[in-house]
């Protein structure tokens, strides 16, 4: 079996917002005034708004008709790298030889160990594992050596409002839906000073009060800000 192509396809549609996205996590670019000034108005809500979505997926195709799929891609830049650089080093290879293909993709460019290049490589690798699972008719976790019949999960609360009162309401709603744990994202970094720290602490305190002392809760931030704090 040989890889014959890496193709891409796009899915588009519309949806009604069921969550707030008036907030976002602090980012390295926040140190620049012009970027920091673009933070959204935290007092407004986007729940109920109609939005359109346009997402990209890739298919690794073979001469035996088995296809591996991955998506959606986080950035369209991944697709450009896959089509313009990675593809030529993958087409013609045995799709089951995932280690060799990974090595070829890593060695295809000296910048392959970070950034968009690594994200593009990861997309192809995920599609190859999907293909391998279909070929052997086994779940991928079995092919990777896993033997658990269940794993712990959590709800990632990115894109929800981090205003303490609103966040607490959302967190309780998600808990009541059956999610056994949650991960929230701090809105403020170092440039916000003591006020930002107080706001982050207020968020954590409101979430803990709403969820109870035994409910698993994580606060996430970039490592160069404050790392992961577990409350």
Protein backbone atom coordinates (compact mmCIF):
# COMPACT_ATOMS: atom_id res chain seq x y z
CA UNK A 1 0.00 0.00 0.00
CA UNK A 2 1.30 3.44 -0.96
CA UNK A 3 0.19 7.00 -0.27
CA UNK A 4 -1.09 8.59 -3.47
CA UNK A 5 -2.12 12.06 -2.29
CA UNK A 6 -2.80 14.40 0.60
CA UNK A 7 -5.96 16.25 -0.31
CA UNK A 8 -7.87 18.96 1.52
CA UNK A 9 -11.52 19.79 1.86
CA UNK A 10 -13.49 22.54 3.50
CA UNK A 11 -16.63 22.38 5.63
CA UNK A 12 -18.75 25.51 6.03
CA UNK A 13 -21.91 26.24 7.92
CA UNK A 14 -23.61 28.48 10.44
CA UNK A 15 -24.46 28.07 14.11
CA UNK A 16 -26.03 29.97 16.98
CA UNK A 17 -23.64 30.87 19.79
CA UNK A 18 -24.30 28.93 23.00
CA UNK A 19 -21.36 30.47 24.87
CA UNK A 20 -19.67 33.81 25.42
CA UNK A 21 -16.44 34.67 23.64
CA UNK A 22 -16.09 38.23 24.85
CA UNK A 23 -12.93 37.22 26.69
CA UNK A 24 -9.69 35.53 25.74
CA UNK A 25 -6.65 34.27 27.58
CA UNK A 26 -3.66 36.51 28.11
CA UNK A 27 -1.08 36.12 25.38
CA UNK A 28 2.57 37.05 24.84
CA UNK A 29 1.51 39.86 22.49
CA UNK A 30 -0.30 41.56 25.37
CA UNK A 31 2.93 43.37 26.23
CA UNK A 32 2.34 45.64 23.20
CA UNK A 33 -0.10 48.50 23.71
CA UNK A 34 -1.71 48.35 20.28
CA UNK A 35 -2.45 44.63 20.63
CA UNK A 36 -3.57 44.83 24.25
CA UNK A 37 -5.99 47.61 23.35
CA UNK A 38 -7.93 45.27 21.06
CA UNK A 39 -9.25 43.20 23.97
CA UNK A 40 -13.04 42.85 23.66
CA UNK A 41 -15.64 44.61 25.78
CA UNK A 42 -16.12 42.20 28.67
CA UNK A 43 -19.52 43.64 29.56
CA UNK A 44 -21.17 42.38 26.37
CA UNK A 45 -22.46 38.89 25.63
CA UNK A 46 -22.34 36.98 22.32
CA UNK A 47 -24.75 34.20 23.35
CA UNK A 48 -27.50 33.79 20.75
CA UNK A 49 -25.58 35.45 17.92
CA UNK A 50 -25.52 33.63 14.59
CA UNK A 51 -22.03 32.88 13.28
CA UNK A 52 -20.53 31.20 10.24
CA UNK A 53 -17.73 28.66 10.44
CA UNK A 54 -15.29 27.58 7.74
CA UNK A 55 -13.00 24.67 8.64
CA UNK A 56 -10.30 22.75 6.75
CA UNK A 57 -9.64 19.00 6.84
CA UNK A 58 -7.05 16.77 5.18
CA UNK A 59 -7.26 13.24 3.76
CA UNK A 60 -4.24 10.98 3.31
CA UNK A 61 -5.24 8.80 0.34
CA UNK A 62 -3.80 5.42 -0.71
CA UNK A 63 -3.81 3.14 -3.74
CA UNK A 64 -5.86 0.57 -1.79
CA UNK A 65 -8.70 2.96 -1.04
CA UNK A 66 -7.97 3.33 2.68
CA UNK A 67 -8.05 7.00 3.71
CA UNK A 68 -6.97 8.73 6.90
CA UNK A 69 -8.61 12.00 7.91
CA UNK A 70 -7.66 14.77 10.30
CA UNK A 71 -9.27 18.08 11.15
CA UNK A 72 -10.26 20.70 11.61
CA UNK A 73 -6.88 22.36 11.18
CA UNK A 74 -6.17 25.08 13.71
CA UNK A 75 -4.77 27.39 11.02
CA UNK A 76 -4.95 27.54 7.25
CA UNK A 77 -1.16 27.99 7.34
CA UNK A 78 -0.88 24.28 8.18
CA UNK A 79 -2.59 23.43 4.91
CA UNK A 80 -0.21 25.61 2.91
CA UNK A 81 2.82 23.90 4.48
CA UNK A 82 1.35 20.44 3.92
CA UNK A 83 0.66 21.10 0.25
CA UNK A 84 3.80 23.11 -0.56
CA UNK A 85 6.43 21.21 1.43
CA UNK A 86 5.43 18.08 3.33
CA UNK A 87 3.39 16.38 0.64
CA UNK A 88 6.32 15.62 -1.68
CA UNK A 89 8.12 13.74 1.09
CA UNK A 90 5.06 11.66 1.99
CA UNK A 91 3.45 10.64 -1.31
CA UNK A 92 4.71 7.23 -2.40
CA UNK A 93 5.47 6.06 1.15
CA UNK A 94 3.95 3.14 3.03
CA UNK A 95 1.25 4.78 5.20
CA UNK A 96 1.67 2.15 7.91
CA UNK A 97 5.33 3.12 8.42
CA UNK A 98 4.37 6.10 10.57
CA UNK A 99 7.79 6.37 12.27
CA UNK A 100 9.63 6.63 8.95
CA UNK A 101 7.15 9.18 7.60
CA UNK A 102 7.47 11.24 10.79
CA UNK A 103 11.24 11.23 10.40
CA UNK A 104 10.98 12.30 6.76
CA UNK A 105 8.66 15.18 7.66
CA UNK A 106 10.91 16.34 10.51
CA UNK A 107 13.98 16.26 8.27
CA UNK A 108 12.21 17.97 5.35
CA UNK A 109 12.98 21.40 6.77
CA UNK A 110 15.38 22.69 9.40
CA UNK A 111 12.50 24.61 11.05
CA UNK A 112 10.38 21.47 11.45
CA UNK A 113 10.59 21.25 15.23
CA UNK A 114 8.45 24.22 16.13
CA UNK A 115 5.64 26.54 15.08
CA UNK A 116 3.39 26.05 12.09
CA UNK A 117 5.72 23.47 10.58
CA UNK A 118 5.31 21.18 13.58
CA UNK A 119 1.54 21.76 13.57
CA UNK A 120 1.40 20.73 9.91
CA UNK A 121 3.46 17.61 10.61
CA UNK A 122 1.16 16.73 13.50
CA UNK A 123 -1.91 17.04 11.27
CA UNK A 124 -0.48 14.56 8.75
CA UNK A 125 0.65 12.22 11.53
CA UNK A 126 -2.83 12.20 13.07
CA UNK A 127 -4.35 11.40 9.68
CA UNK A 128 -1.89 8.52 9.27
CA UNK A 129 -2.89 7.05 12.62
CA UNK A 130 -6.55 7.33 11.61
CA UNK A 131 -5.66 5.46 8.43
CA UNK A 132 -3.75 2.80 10.37
CA UNK A 133 -6.71 2.25 12.70
CA UNK A 134 -9.04 1.76 9.74
CA UNK A 135 -6.59 -0.60 8.01
CA UNK A 136 -6.22 -2.86 11.05
CA UNK A 137 -9.84 -2.30 12.12
CA UNK A 138 -8.70 -1.41 15.62
CA UNK A 139 -9.11 1.72 17.75
CA UNK A 140 -5.95 3.80 17.62
CA UNK A 141 -5.43 3.65 21.38
CA UNK A 142 -4.97 -0.12 20.99
CA UNK A 143 -2.36 0.36 18.29
CA UNK A 144 -0.54 2.76 20.62
CA UNK A 145 -0.45 0.12 23.34
CA UNK A 146 -3.26 1.41 25.53
CA UNK A 147 -5.32 -1.01 27.62
CA UNK A 148 -7.63 1.20 29.68
CA UNK A 149 -11.37 0.92 29.26
CA UNK A 150 -11.91 4.49 30.42
CA UNK A 151 -9.90 7.71 30.86
CA UNK A 152 -10.58 10.88 32.86
CA UNK A 153 -11.83 13.87 30.86
CA UNK A 154 -12.42 17.55 31.51
CA UNK A 155 -14.30 20.41 29.90
CA UNK A 156 -12.04 23.04 28.33
CA UNK A 157 -13.68 26.37 29.10
CA UNK A 158 -11.81 28.47 26.55
CA UNK A 159 -13.95 31.19 24.91
CA UNK A 160 -16.20 31.66 27.93
CA UNK A 161 -16.49 34.90 29.84
CA UNK A 162 -14.03 35.15 32.74
CA UNK A 163 -15.98 37.79 34.62
CA UNK A 164 -16.19 35.92 37.97
CA UNK A 165 -19.98 35.95 38.35
CA UNK A 166 -20.61 34.95 34.74
CA UNK A 167 -17.87 32.31 34.79
CA UNK A 168 -19.26 30.75 37.98
CA UNK A 169 -22.70 30.48 36.39
CA UNK A 170 -21.26 28.83 33.29
CA UNK A 171 -19.08 26.46 35.31
CA UNK A 172 -22.00 25.26 37.40
CA UNK A 173 -24.07 24.70 34.26
CA UNK A 174 -21.28 22.61 32.71
CA UNK A 175 -20.84 20.61 35.92
CA UNK A 176 -24.56 19.83 35.99
CA UNK A 177 -24.28 18.57 32.40
CA UNK A 178 -22.05 15.80 33.74
CA UNK A 179 -18.53 17.06 33.06
CA UNK A 180 -16.32 15.63 35.86
CA UNK A 181 -13.67 18.40 35.69
CA UNK A 182 -12.96 21.77 34.05
CA UNK A 183 -10.01 23.83 32.85
CA UNK A 184 -10.30 27.61 32.87
CA UNK A 185 -7.97 30.24 31.40
CA UNK A 186 -6.68 33.33 33.16
CA UNK A 187 -7.50 36.59 31.33
CA UNK A 188 -4.60 38.72 32.63
CA UNK A 189 -0.82 38.50 32.49
CA UNK A 190 2.14 40.46 33.96
CA UNK A 191 1.43 43.75 32.23
CA UNK A 192 -1.87 44.01 34.12
CA UNK A 193 0.02 44.24 37.41
CA UNK A 194 -1.59 43.77 40.86
CA UNK A 195 -5.04 44.54 39.46
CA UNK A 196 -4.72 41.69 36.98
CA UNK A 197 -3.54 39.33 39.70
CA UNK A 198 -6.55 40.23 41.85
CA UNK A 199 -8.85 39.64 38.89
CA UNK A 200 -7.31 36.21 38.22
CA UNK A 201 -7.63 35.24 41.89
CA UNK A 202 -11.24 36.46 41.95
CA UNK A 203 -12.00 34.22 38.98
CA UNK A 204 -10.44 31.17 40.66
CA UNK A 205 -12.27 31.89 43.92
CA UNK A 206 -15.65 32.30 42.22
CA UNK A 207 -15.20 29.05 40.30
CA UNK A 208 -14.16 27.14 43.41
CA UNK A 209 -17.11 28.45 45.39
CA UNK A 210 -19.55 27.52 42.61
CA UNK A 211 -18.10 24.07 41.92
CA UNK A 212 -17.36 22.95 45.47
CA UNK A 213 -14.16 21.99 47.23
CA UNK A 214 -13.85 18.47 45.75
CA UNK A 215 -14.52 19.24 42.09
CA UNK A 216 -11.35 19.03 39.90
CA UNK A 217 -10.54 22.52 38.62
CA UNK A 218 -7.50 23.76 36.75
CA UNK A 219 -6.40 27.26 35.89
CA UNK A 220 -4.17 27.47 32.83
CA UNK A 221 -1.77 30.10 31.61
CA UNK A 222 1.29 30.24 29.40
CA UNK A 223 4.38 28.81 31.17
CA UNK A 224 6.20 32.13 30.93
CA UNK A 225 3.35 33.77 32.82
CA UNK A 226 2.31 31.59 35.72
CA UNK A 227 2.21 27.94 34.67
CA UNK A 228 -0.60 25.63 35.73
CA UNK A 229 -2.19 26.22 39.08
CA UNK A 230 -4.43 23.54 40.55
CA UNK A 231 -6.95 24.66 43.14
